[in-house]
Amino acid sequence: MKVLIVFAHPEPRSLNGALLDVTVSELKRLGHEVQVSDLYAQGWKSEVDRGDFPLLVQGERLKPAAASKQAFEAGALTSDVKAEIEKLLWADVLILQFPLWWFSMPAILKGWVDRVFAYGFAYGVGEHSDKRWGDRYGDGTLKGKRAMLVVTAGGWQEHYSDRGVNGPIDDLLFPINHGILYYPGYDVLPPFVVYRVDRFDDSGFEPVAEGLRERMRSLATTPPIPYRRQNGGDYLIPRMQLRAGLEVPGTSGFALHLDRGGHAGRDSKPHASNSSPASSGSGSLASDELAS
């Protein structure tokens, strides 16, 4: 397979950097082709502004969606954005790797999404009618490809549980997994999450590294998160609300959009990986501390 890793951490000697090395090494050992977009190393421009749209007339009001559509259709996106789109089209699998900062991805990675997921490429695709509301949420340009997150967090796993003070990790990652990856068609695999990295040391690294290697070995076979397809009949169009009675009784919130009964053999919810409890001592791996 062809795998693109979009890496968002400013320090290559960090735990994230070490995990990236593990991922790339294992994928290549397995015979996969790998490309890495190291956003900090590339000096990625994160903000959307007038410079992204060369066709925009001087003095013309900037309407980002309309300008993105015009530039994409005319082949006039900037060279850095075009290069990333070509990588996405090339790759069978997309991996986004980042530290969880303030309950989300770093700004540089969000800026990569903002600029690369252009109108006509990742959104604004397909017909809108009383039977279909565009090609999205299970359909779209990137349908048939796989995607997953590799995430580090400073808090304990218990902090990100159903009763944890930070909220369930599945809910925190839902806007990325469902709203960014599933939206343009990716089959989204359960995330690989490493916890307590603010106190991570070398003794805890190898079990986590082996867990990551195993995830790379099963990239093609891991069942995706069973999100409901927008145009598969579960949603009322054009209201885009889930039809009554399809959910498991008592289900609410993000979990409504998981098809718990319609995909035999699939897990009902994503599973985060467990890291070994971190030592209280400082290790040689730079920490990826979460200000949560």
C-alpha atoms as a PDB file:
ATOM      1  CA  MET A   1       0.000   0.000   0.000  1.00  0.00           C
ATOM      2  CA  LYS A   2       0.894   3.655  -0.320  1.00  0.00           C
ATOM      3  CA  VAL A   3       0.817   5.515   2.996  1.00  0.00           C
ATOM      4  CA  LEU A   4       0.928   9.266   3.621  1.00  0.00           C
ATOM      5  CA  ILE A   5       1.754  10.448   7.142  1.00  0.00           C
ATOM      6  CA  VAL A   6       0.995  14.074   7.965  1.00  0.00           C
ATOM      7  CA  PHE A   7       3.124  14.838  11.013  1.00  0.00           C
ATOM      8  CA  ALA A   8       2.520  17.852  13.241  1.00  0.00           C
ATOM      9  CA  HIS A   9       5.050  18.280  16.028  1.00  0.00           C
ATOM     10  CA  PRO A  10       7.737  20.996  16.250  1.00  0.00           C
ATOM     11  CA  GLU A  11      10.422  18.794  17.850  1.00  0.00           C
ATOM     12  CA  PRO A  12      11.795  15.784  15.936  1.00  0.00           C
ATOM     13  CA  ARG A  13      13.423  14.468  19.161  1.00  0.00           C
ATOM     14  CA  SER A  14      10.038  14.273  20.904  1.00  0.00           C
ATOM     15  CA  LEU A  15       8.057  11.154  21.676  1.00  0.00           C
ATOM     16  CA  ASN A  16       6.039  11.958  18.585  1.00  0.00           C
ATOM     17  CA  GLY A  17       9.226  12.012  16.551  1.00  0.00           C
ATOM     18  CA  ALA A  18      10.253   8.625  17.935  1.00  0.00           C
ATOM     19  CA  LEU A  19       6.826   7.172  17.143  1.00  0.00           C
ATOM     20  CA  LEU A  20       7.027   8.546  13.610  1.00  0.00           C
ATOM     21  CA  ASP A  21      10.331   6.728  13.138  1.00  0.00           C
ATOM     22  CA  VAL A  22       8.718   3.504  14.371  1.00  0.00           C
ATOM     23  CA  THR A  23       5.807   3.886  11.966  1.00  0.00           C
ATOM     24  CA  VAL A  24       7.928   4.647   8.916  1.00  0.00           C
ATOM     25  CA  SER A  25      10.390   1.839   9.684  1.00  0.00           C
ATOM     26  CA  GLU A  26       7.652  -0.753  10.158  1.00  0.00           C
ATOM     27  CA  LEU A  27       5.720   0.277   7.062  1.00  0.00           C
ATOM     28  CA  LYS A  28       8.836   0.087   4.911  1.00  0.00           C
ATOM     29  CA  ARG A  29       9.762  -3.270   6.441  1.00  0.00           C
ATOM     30  CA  LEU A  30       6.346  -4.531   5.377  1.00  0.00           C
ATOM     31  CA  GLY A  31       6.980  -3.357   1.826  1.00  0.00           C
ATOM     32  CA  HIS A  32       4.677  -0.326   1.800  1.00  0.00           C
ATOM     33  CA  GLU A  33       5.531   2.954   0.096  1.00  0.00           C
ATOM     34  CA  VAL A  34       5.655   5.887   2.505  1.00  0.00           C
ATOM     35  CA  GLN A  35       5.603   9.660   2.201  1.00  0.00           C
ATOM     36  CA  VAL A  36       5.786  12.031   5.174  1.00  0.00           C
ATOM     37  CA  SER A  37       4.523  15.588   5.209  1.00  0.00           C
ATOM     38  CA  ASP A  38       6.380  17.055   8.192  1.00  0.00           C
ATOM     39  CA  LEU A  39       4.482  20.308   8.533  1.00  0.00           C
ATOM     40  CA  TYR A  40       6.850  22.122  10.881  1.00  0.00           C
ATOM     41  CA  ALA A  41       9.903  21.057   8.883  1.00  0.00           C
ATOM     42  CA  GLN A  42       8.189  22.220   5.696  1.00  0.00           C
ATOM     43  CA  GLY A  43       7.343  25.580   7.248  1.00  0.00           C
ATOM     44  CA  TRP A  44       3.707  24.983   6.397  1.00  0.00           C
ATOM     45  CA  LYS A  45       1.591  28.122   6.132  1.00  0.00           C
ATOM     46  CA  SER A  46      -1.451  27.411   8.276  1.00  0.00           C
ATOM     47  CA  GLU A  47      -3.706  30.417   7.718  1.00  0.00           C
ATOM     48  CA  VAL A  48      -6.098  30.821   4.801  1.00  0.00           C
ATOM     49  CA  ASP A  49      -5.723  34.268   3.227  1.00  0.00           C
ATOM     50  CA  ARG A  50      -5.795  36.062  -0.119  1.00  0.00           C
ATOM     51  CA  GLY A  51      -2.430  34.629  -1.059  1.00  0.00           C
ATOM     52  CA  ASP A  52      -4.040  31.195  -1.421  1.00  0.00           C
ATOM     53  CA  PHE A  53      -6.135  32.345  -4.373  1.00  0.00           C
ATOM     54  CA  PRO A  54      -4.064  33.817  -7.233  1.00  0.00           C
ATOM     55  CA  LEU A  55      -7.175  34.362  -9.377  1.00  0.00           C
ATOM     56  CA  LEU A  56      -8.734  36.713  -6.842  1.00  0.00           C
ATOM     57  CA  VAL A  57      -8.936  40.215  -8.313  1.00  0.00           C
ATOM     58  CA  GLN A  58      -7.274  42.938  -6.276  1.00  0.00           C
ATOM     59  CA  GLY A  59      -9.845  44.639  -4.099  1.00  0.00           C
ATOM     60  CA  GLU A  60     -12.380  41.848  -4.578  1.00  0.00           C
ATOM     61  CA  ARG A  61     -14.031  40.611  -1.386  1.00  0.00           C
ATOM     62  CA  LEU A  62     -12.568  37.305  -0.230  1.00  0.00           C
ATOM     63  CA  LYS A  63     -15.178  34.556   0.101  1.00  0.00           C
ATOM     64  CA  PRO A  64     -13.000  31.566   1.026  1.00  0.00           C
ATOM     65  CA  ALA A  65     -15.311  28.774  -0.194  1.00  0.00           C
ATOM     66  CA  ALA A  66     -16.046  30.468  -3.517  1.00  0.00           C
ATOM     67  CA  ALA A  67     -12.393  31.367  -4.023  1.00  0.00           C
ATOM     68  CA  SER A  68     -11.345  27.805  -3.207  1.00  0.00           C
ATOM     69  CA  LYS A  69     -13.827  26.421  -5.737  1.00  0.00           C
ATOM     70  CA  GLN A  70     -12.646  28.800  -8.448  1.00  0.00           C
ATOM     71  CA  ALA A  71      -8.975  28.054  -7.805  1.00  0.00           C
ATOM     72  CA  PHE A  72      -9.452  24.283  -7.676  1.00  0.00           C
ATOM     73  CA  GLU A  73     -11.489  24.139 -10.882  1.00  0.00           C
ATOM     74  CA  ALA A  74      -8.949  26.339 -12.691  1.00  0.00           C
ATOM     75  CA  GLY A  75      -5.938  24.406 -11.387  1.00  0.00           C
ATOM     76  CA  ALA A  76      -4.791  27.635  -9.755  1.00  0.00           C
ATOM     77  CA  LEU A  77      -4.237  26.541  -6.159  1.00  0.00           C
ATOM     78  CA  THR A  78      -0.823  27.359  -4.728  1.00  0.00           C
ATOM     79  CA  SER A  79       1.989  24.895  -5.351  1.00  0.00           C
ATOM     80  CA  ASP A  80       2.219  23.720  -1.729  1.00  0.00           C
ATOM     81  CA  VAL A  81      -1.493  22.888  -1.638  1.00  0.00           C
ATOM     82  CA  LYS A  82      -1.359  21.150  -5.024  1.00  0.00           C
ATOM     83  CA  ALA A  83       1.523  18.993  -3.786  1.00  0.00           C
ATOM     84  CA  GLU A  84      -0.440  17.847  -0.743  1.00  0.00           C
ATOM     85  CA  ILE A  85      -3.539  17.071  -2.827  1.00  0.00           C
ATOM     86  CA  GLU A  86      -1.402  14.942  -5.133  1.00  0.00           C
ATOM     87  CA  LYS A  87      -0.111  13.042  -2.107  1.00  0.00           C
ATOM     88  CA  LEU A  88      -3.660  12.406  -0.907  1.00  0.00           C
ATOM     89  CA  LEU A  89      -4.672  11.084  -4.319  1.00  0.00           C
ATOM     90  CA  TRP A  90      -1.546   8.908  -4.385  1.00  0.00           C
ATOM     91  CA  ALA A  91      -2.024   7.392  -0.933  1.00  0.00           C
ATOM     92  CA  ASP A  92      -4.189   4.394  -0.067  1.00  0.00           C
ATOM     93  CA  VAL A  93      -3.903   5.294   3.621  1.00  0.00           C
ATOM     94  CA  LEU A  94      -3.654   8.653   5.384  1.00  0.00           C
ATOM     95  CA  ILE A  95      -2.244   8.878   8.919  1.00  0.00           C
ATOM     96  CA  LEU A  96      -2.519  12.134  10.862  1.00  0.00           C
ATOM     97  CA  GLN A  97      -0.069  12.191  13.773  1.00  0.00           C
ATOM     98  CA  PHE A  98      -0.136  14.920  16.405  1.00  0.00           C
ATOM     99  CA  PRO A  99      -0.104  15.759  20.119  1.00  0.00           C
ATOM    100  CA  LEU A 100      -3.506  16.599  21.588  1.00  0.00           C
ATOM    101  CA  TRP A 101      -3.196  20.284  22.445  1.00  0.00           C
ATOM    102  CA  TRP A 102      -6.166  21.964  24.113  1.00  0.00           C
ATOM    103  CA  PHE A 103      -8.434  19.078  23.159  1.00  0.00           C
ATOM    104  CA  SER A 104      -7.674  19.259  19.441  1.00  0.00           C
ATOM    105  CA  MET A 105      -4.979  19.106  16.795  1.00  0.00           C
ATOM    106  CA  PRO A 106      -2.196  21.731  16.654  1.00  0.00           C
ATOM    107  CA  ALA A 107      -3.070  24.824  14.638  1.00  0.00           C
ATOM    108  CA  ILE A 108      -0.577  23.955  11.911  1.00  0.00           C
ATOM    109  CA  LEU A 109      -2.404  20.686  11.197  1.00  0.00           C
ATOM    110  CA  LYS A 110      -5.813  22.359  11.229  1.00  0.00           C
ATOM    111  CA  GLY A 111      -4.357  24.852   8.772  1.00  0.00           C
ATOM    112  CA  TRP A 112      -3.231  21.984   6.563  1.00  0.00           C
ATOM    113  CA  VAL A 113      -6.830  20.751   6.482  1.00  0.00           C
ATOM    114  CA  ASP A 114      -8.214  24.250   5.899  1.00  0.00           C
ATOM    115  CA  ARG A 115      -5.995  24.816   2.876  1.00  0.00           C
ATOM    116  CA  VAL A 116      -5.651  21.330   1.357  1.00  0.00           C
ATOM    117  CA  PHE A 117      -9.269  20.141   1.659  1.00  0.00           C
ATOM    118  CA  ALA A 118     -10.337  22.463  -1.150  1.00  0.00           C
ATOM    119  CA  TYR A 119     -13.857  23.066  -2.427  1.00  0.00           C
ATOM    120  CA  GLY A 120     -14.474  20.635  -5.274  1.00  0.00           C
ATOM    121  CA  PHE A 121     -11.877  18.253  -3.896  1.00  0.00           C
ATOM    122  CA  ALA A 122     -12.833  17.380  -0.309  1.00  0.00           C
ATOM    123  CA  TYR A 123     -16.181  19.174  -0.097  1.00  0.00           C
ATOM    124  CA  GLY A 124     -18.776  20.679  -2.399  1.00  0.00           C
ATOM    125  CA  VAL A 125     -18.804  17.427  -4.377  1.00  0.00           C
ATOM    126  CA  GLY A 126     -21.835  15.665  -5.888  1.00  0.00           C
ATOM    127  CA  GLU A 127     -25.483  16.466  -6.528  1.00  0.00           C
ATOM    128  CA  HIS A 128     -27.863  17.965  -4.003  1.00  0.00           C
ATOM    129  CA  SER A 129     -31.426  16.713  -4.338  1.00  0.00           C
ATOM    130  CA  ASP A 130     -34.272  15.282  -2.287  1.00  0.00           C
ATOM    131  CA  LYS A 131     -32.512  11.902  -2.372  1.00  0.00           C
ATOM    132  CA  ARG A 132     -28.848  12.818  -2.035  1.00  0.00           C
ATOM    133  CA  TRP A 133     -27.118  15.691  -0.259  1.00  0.00           C
ATOM    134  CA  GLY A 134     -23.759  15.754  -1.923  1.00  0.00           C
ATOM    135  CA  ASP A 135     -21.018  13.132  -1.831  1.00  0.00           C
ATOM    136  CA  ARG A 136     -19.943  13.256   1.787  1.00  0.00           C
ATOM    137  CA  TYR A 137     -19.958  11.233   5.027  1.00  0.00           C
ATOM    138  CA  GLY A 138     -19.024   7.910   3.477  1.00  0.00           C
ATOM    139  CA  ASP A 139     -18.858   9.119  -0.116  1.00  0.00           C
ATOM    140  CA  GLY A 140     -16.652  11.621  -1.876  1.00  0.00           C
ATOM    141  CA  THR A 141     -13.325  12.032  -3.618  1.00  0.00           C
ATOM    142  CA  LEU A 142     -11.402   9.925  -1.092  1.00  0.00           C
ATOM    143  CA  LYS A 143     -13.875   7.043  -0.842  1.00  0.00           C
ATOM    144  CA  GLY A 144     -12.194   3.640  -0.792  1.00  0.00           C
ATOM    145  CA  LYS A 145      -9.128   4.922   1.060  1.00  0.00           C
ATOM    146  CA  ARG A 146      -8.345   4.434   4.735  1.00  0.00           C
ATOM    147  CA  ALA A 147      -7.327   6.938   7.405  1.00  0.00           C
ATOM    148  CA  MET A 148      -6.380   6.903  11.083  1.00  0.00           C
ATOM    149  CA  LEU A 149      -5.041   9.106  13.849  1.00  0.00           C
ATOM    150  CA  VAL A 150      -1.912   8.609  15.948  1.00  0.00           C
ATOM    151  CA  VAL A 151      -2.336  10.861  18.984  1.00  0.00           C
ATOM    152  CA  THR A 152      -0.397  11.576  22.167  1.00  0.00           C
ATOM    153  CA  ALA A 153      -2.047  13.066  25.256  1.00  0.00           C
ATOM    154  CA  GLY A 154      -0.658  14.291  28.565  1.00  0.00           C
ATOM    155  CA  GLY A 155      -3.575  13.095  30.683  1.00  0.00           C
ATOM    156  CA  TRP A 156      -4.254   9.621  31.993  1.00  0.00           C
ATOM    157  CA  GLN A 157      -6.456   7.251  30.041  1.00  0.00           C
ATOM    158  CA  GLU A 158      -8.967   7.453  32.891  1.00  0.00           C
ATOM    159  CA  HIS A 159      -9.187  11.214  32.340  1.00  0.00           C
ATOM    160  CA  TYR A 160     -10.477  10.524  28.812  1.00  0.00           C
ATOM    161  CA  SER A 161     -13.080   7.914  29.743  1.00  0.00           C
ATOM    162  CA  ASP A 162     -16.881   8.172  29.808  1.00  0.00           C
ATOM    163  CA  ARG A 163     -16.748   9.532  33.368  1.00  0.00           C
ATOM    164  CA  GLY A 164     -13.387  11.238  33.017  1.00  0.00           C
ATOM    165  CA  VAL A 165     -13.093  14.965  33.580  1.00  0.00           C
ATOM    166  CA  ASN A 166     -11.686  15.576  30.079  1.00  0.00           C
ATOM    167  CA  GLY A 167     -14.545  13.747  28.377  1.00  0.00           C
ATOM    168  CA  PRO A 168     -14.397  10.514  26.344  1.00  0.00           C
ATOM    169  CA  ILE A 169     -11.523  10.379  23.870  1.00  0.00           C
ATOM    170  CA  ASP A 170     -13.952   9.105  21.216  1.00  0.00           C
ATOM    171  CA  ASP A 171     -15.999  12.298  21.579  1.00  0.00           C
ATOM    172  CA  LEU A 172     -12.959  14.580  21.526  1.00  0.00           C
ATOM    173  CA  LEU A 173     -11.696  12.979  18.318  1.00  0.00           C
ATOM    174  CA  PHE A 174     -15.131  12.752  16.658  1.00  0.00           C
ATOM    175  CA  PRO A 175     -14.839  16.152  14.892  1.00  0.00           C
ATOM    176  CA  ILE A 176     -11.587  14.953  13.299  1.00  0.00           C
ATOM    177  CA  ASN A 177     -12.510  11.339  12.600  1.00  0.00           C
ATOM    178  CA  HIS A 178     -16.047  12.006  11.409  1.00  0.00           C
ATOM    179  CA  GLY A 179     -15.997  15.646  10.364  1.00  0.00           C
ATOM    180  CA  ILE A 180     -12.610  15.775   8.601  1.00  0.00           C
ATOM    181  CA  LEU A 181     -11.766  12.210   7.555  1.00  0.00           C
ATOM    182  CA  TYR A 182     -15.116  10.467   7.052  1.00  0.00           C
ATOM    183  CA  TYR A 183     -16.656  13.555   5.424  1.00  0.00           C
ATOM    184  CA  PRO A 184     -14.682  13.232   2.130  1.00  0.00           C
ATOM    185  CA  GLY A 185     -15.064   9.442   2.086  1.00  0.00           C
ATOM    186  CA  TYR A 186     -12.276   7.834   4.085  1.00  0.00           C
ATOM    187  CA  ASP A 187     -12.893   4.588   5.959  1.00  0.00           C
ATOM    188  CA  VAL A 188     -11.690   5.749   9.379  1.00  0.00           C
ATOM    189  CA  LEU A 189      -9.836   3.267  11.564  1.00  0.00           C
ATOM    190  CA  PRO A 190      -9.874   3.421  15.379  1.00  0.00           C
ATOM    191  CA  PRO A 191      -7.185   5.830  16.629  1.00  0.00           C
ATOM    192  CA  PHE A 192      -3.922   4.867  18.267  1.00  0.00           C
ATOM    193  CA  VAL A 193      -3.708   6.977  21.420  1.00  0.00           C
ATOM    194  CA  VAL A 194      -0.819   7.184  23.879  1.00  0.00           C
ATOM    195  CA  TYR A 195      -1.580   8.651  27.302  1.00  0.00           C
ATOM    196  CA  ARG A 196       0.439  10.222  30.157  1.00  0.00           C
ATOM    197  CA  VAL A 197       3.194  11.353  27.849  1.00  0.00           C
ATOM    198  CA  ASP A 198       4.114  14.241  30.134  1.00  0.00           C
ATOM    199  CA  ARG A 199       5.723  11.584  32.362  1.00  0.00           C
ATOM    200  CA  PHE A 200       6.788   9.146  29.666  1.00  0.00           C
ATOM    201  CA  ASP A 201      10.239   7.574  29.824  1.00  0.00           C
ATOM    202  CA  ASP A 202      12.287   5.023  27.897  1.00  0.00           C
ATOM    203  CA  SER A 203      11.039   2.046  29.917  1.00  0.00           C
ATOM    204  CA  GLY A 204       7.500   2.596  28.678  1.00  0.00           C
ATOM    205  CA  PHE A 205       8.414   3.238  25.080  1.00  0.00           C
ATOM    206  CA  GLU A 206       8.909  -0.259  23.674  1.00  0.00           C
ATOM    207  CA  PRO A 207       5.445  -1.626  24.603  1.00  0.00           C
ATOM    208  CA  VAL A 208       3.855   1.413  22.971  1.00  0.00           C
ATOM    209  CA  ALA A 209       6.134   1.112  19.937  1.00  0.00           C
ATOM    210  CA  GLU A 210       5.195  -2.542  19.526  1.00  0.00           C
ATOM    211  CA  GLY A 211       1.511  -1.642  19.762  1.00  0.00           C
ATOM    212  CA  LEU A 212       2.034   0.891  16.989  1.00  0.00           C
ATOM    213  CA  ARG A 213       3.892  -1.663  14.863  1.00  0.00           C
ATOM    214  CA  GLU A 214       0.968  -4.034  15.261  1.00  0.00           C
ATOM    215  CA  ARG A 215      -1.434  -1.338  14.089  1.00  0.00           C
ATOM    216  CA  MET A 216       0.720  -0.813  11.012  1.00  0.00           C
ATOM    217  CA  ARG A 217       0.701  -4.559  10.354  1.00  0.00           C
ATOM    218  CA  SER A 218      -3.104  -4.565  10.415  1.00  0.00           C
ATOM    219  CA  LEU A 219      -3.752  -1.391   8.416  1.00  0.00           C
ATOM    220  CA  ALA A 220      -5.538  -3.294   5.664  1.00  0.00           C
ATOM    221  CA  THR A 221      -7.601  -5.531   7.945  1.00  0.00           C
ATOM    222  CA  THR A 222      -8.617  -3.422  10.948  1.00  0.00           C
ATOM    223  CA  PRO A 223     -12.403  -2.833  10.814  1.00  0.00           C
ATOM    224  CA  PRO A 224     -13.209   0.875  10.410  1.00  0.00           C
ATOM    225  CA  ILE A 225     -15.342   2.836  12.841  1.00  0.00           C
ATOM    226  CA  PRO A 226     -18.914   2.021  11.716  1.00  0.00           C
ATOM    227  CA  TYR A 227     -20.147   5.518  10.958  1.00  0.00           C
ATOM    228  CA  ARG A 228     -23.493   5.774   9.216  1.00  0.00           C
ATOM    229  CA  ARG A 229     -23.389   6.766   5.539  1.00  0.00           C
ATOM    230  CA  GLN A 230     -25.209  10.016   4.956  1.00  0.00           C
ATOM    231  CA  ASN A 231     -26.823   8.824   1.729  1.00  0.00           C
ATOM    232  CA  GLY A 232     -27.414   5.253   2.864  1.00  0.00           C
ATOM    233  CA  GLY A 233     -30.985   5.806   4.017  1.00  0.00           C
ATOM    234  CA  ASP A 234     -30.435   6.471   7.723  1.00  0.00           C
ATOM    235  CA  TYR A 235     -30.854  10.244   7.440  1.00  0.00           C
ATOM    236  CA  LEU A 236     -33.814  12.349   6.375  1.00  0.00           C
ATOM    237  CA  ILE A 237     -32.860  14.520   3.397  1.00  0.00           C
ATOM    238  CA  PRO A 238     -32.611  17.517   3.280  1.00  0.00           C
ATOM    239  CA  ARG A 239     -32.997  17.884   7.082  1.00  0.00           C
ATOM    240  CA  MET A 240     -29.983  15.563   7.558  1.00  0.00           C
ATOM    241  CA  GLN A 241     -31.339  14.176  10.825  1.00  0.00           C
ATOM    242  CA  LEU A 242     -31.170  10.531  11.822  1.00  0.00           C
ATOM    243  CA  ARG A 243     -34.434   8.694  11.299  1.00  0.00           C
ATOM    244  CA  ALA A 244     -36.210   7.902  14.551  1.00  0.00           C
ATOM    245  CA  GLY A 245     -35.863   4.406  15.931  1.00  0.00           C
ATOM    246  CA  LEU A 246     -32.547   3.464  14.312  1.00  0.00           C
ATOM    247  CA  GLU A 247     -30.474   4.076  17.426  1.00  0.00           C
ATOM    248  CA  VAL A 248     -29.871   1.754  20.339  1.00  0.00           C
ATOM    249  CA  PRO A 249     -32.278   2.872  23.111  1.00  0.00           C
ATOM    250  CA  GLY A 250     -30.659   5.476  25.344  1.00  0.00           C
ATOM    251  CA  THR A 251     -28.062   6.510  22.770  1.00  0.00           C
ATOM    252  CA  SER A 252     -27.457  10.228  22.283  1.00  0.00           C
ATOM    253  CA  GLY A 253     -24.868  12.675  21.018  1.00  0.00           C
ATOM    254  CA  PHE A 254     -22.076  11.576  18.712  1.00  0.00           C
ATOM    255  CA  ALA A 255     -22.851   7.901  19.326  1.00  0.00           C
ATOM    256  CA  LEU A 256     -26.062   8.276  17.308  1.00  0.00           C
ATOM    257  CA  HIS A 257     -23.945   8.338  14.175  1.00  0.00           C
ATOM    258  CA  LEU A 258     -22.449   4.902  14.809  1.00  0.00           C
ATOM    259  CA  ASP A 259     -24.291   2.008  13.196  1.00  0.00           C
ATOM    260  CA  ARG A 260     -24.061  -0.473  16.046  1.00  0.00           C
ATOM    261  CA  GLY A 261     -26.107  -3.192  14.391  1.00  0.00           C
ATOM    262  CA  GLY A 262     -25.774  -2.840  10.648  1.00  0.00           C
ATOM    263  CA  HIS A 263     -22.152  -3.889  10.109  1.00  0.00           C
ATOM    264  CA  ALA A 264     -21.560  -7.458  11.206  1.00  0.00           C
ATOM    265  CA  GLY A 265     -18.088  -8.030  12.540  1.00  0.00           C
ATOM    266  CA  ARG A 266     -17.295  -4.366  13.110  1.00  0.00           C
ATOM    267  CA  ASP A 267     -16.556  -2.888  16.498  1.00  0.00           C
ATOM    268  CA  SER A 268     -19.291  -0.634  17.807  1.00  0.00           C
ATOM    269  CA  LYS A 269     -16.968   2.156  18.846  1.00  0.00           C
ATOM    270  CA  PRO A 270     -13.344   3.140  18.334  1.00  0.00           C
ATOM    271  CA  HIS A 271     -10.758   1.729  20.707  1.00  0.00           C
ATOM    272  CA  ALA A 272      -7.843   3.793  21.951  1.00  0.00           C
ATOM    273  CA  SER A 273      -4.574   2.037  22.585  1.00  0.00           C
ATOM    274  CA  ASN A 274      -3.316   1.707  26.127  1.00  0.00           C
ATOM    275  CA  SER A 275       0.142   2.921  27.013  1.00  0.00           C
ATOM    276  CA  SER A 276       2.056   1.547  29.945  1.00  0.00           C
ATOM    277  CA  PRO A 277       1.814   3.709  33.086  1.00  0.00           C
ATOM    278  CA  ALA A 278       4.498   6.306  32.832  1.00  0.00           C
ATOM    279  CA  SER A 279       7.317   6.484  35.306  1.00  0.00           C
ATOM    280  CA  SER A 280       7.517   9.486  37.601  1.00  0.00           C
ATOM    281  CA  GLY A 281      11.110   9.957  36.561  1.00  0.00           C
ATOM    282  CA  SER A 282      12.146  11.965  33.536  1.00  0.00           C
ATOM    283  CA  GLY A 283      13.185  10.016  30.471  1.00  0.00           C
ATOM    284  CA  SER A 284      15.293  10.878  27.489  1.00  0.00           C
ATOM    285  CA  LEU A 285      12.264  11.311  25.222  1.00  0.00           C
ATOM    286  CA  ALA A 286      10.987  14.870  25.168  1.00  0.00           C
ATOM    287  CA  SER A 287       7.440  15.033  26.525  1.00  0.00           C
ATOM    288  CA  ASP A 288       4.372  16.153  24.555  1.00  0.00           C
ATOM    289  CA  GLU A 289       2.574  17.823  27.401  1.00  0.00           C
ATOM    290  CA  LEU A 290      -1.143  18.534  27.133  1.00  0.00           C
ATOM    291  CA  ALA A 291      -2.408  21.758  28.641  1.00  0.00           C
ATOM    292  CA  SER A 292      -5.851  20.308  29.295  1.00  0.00           C
END
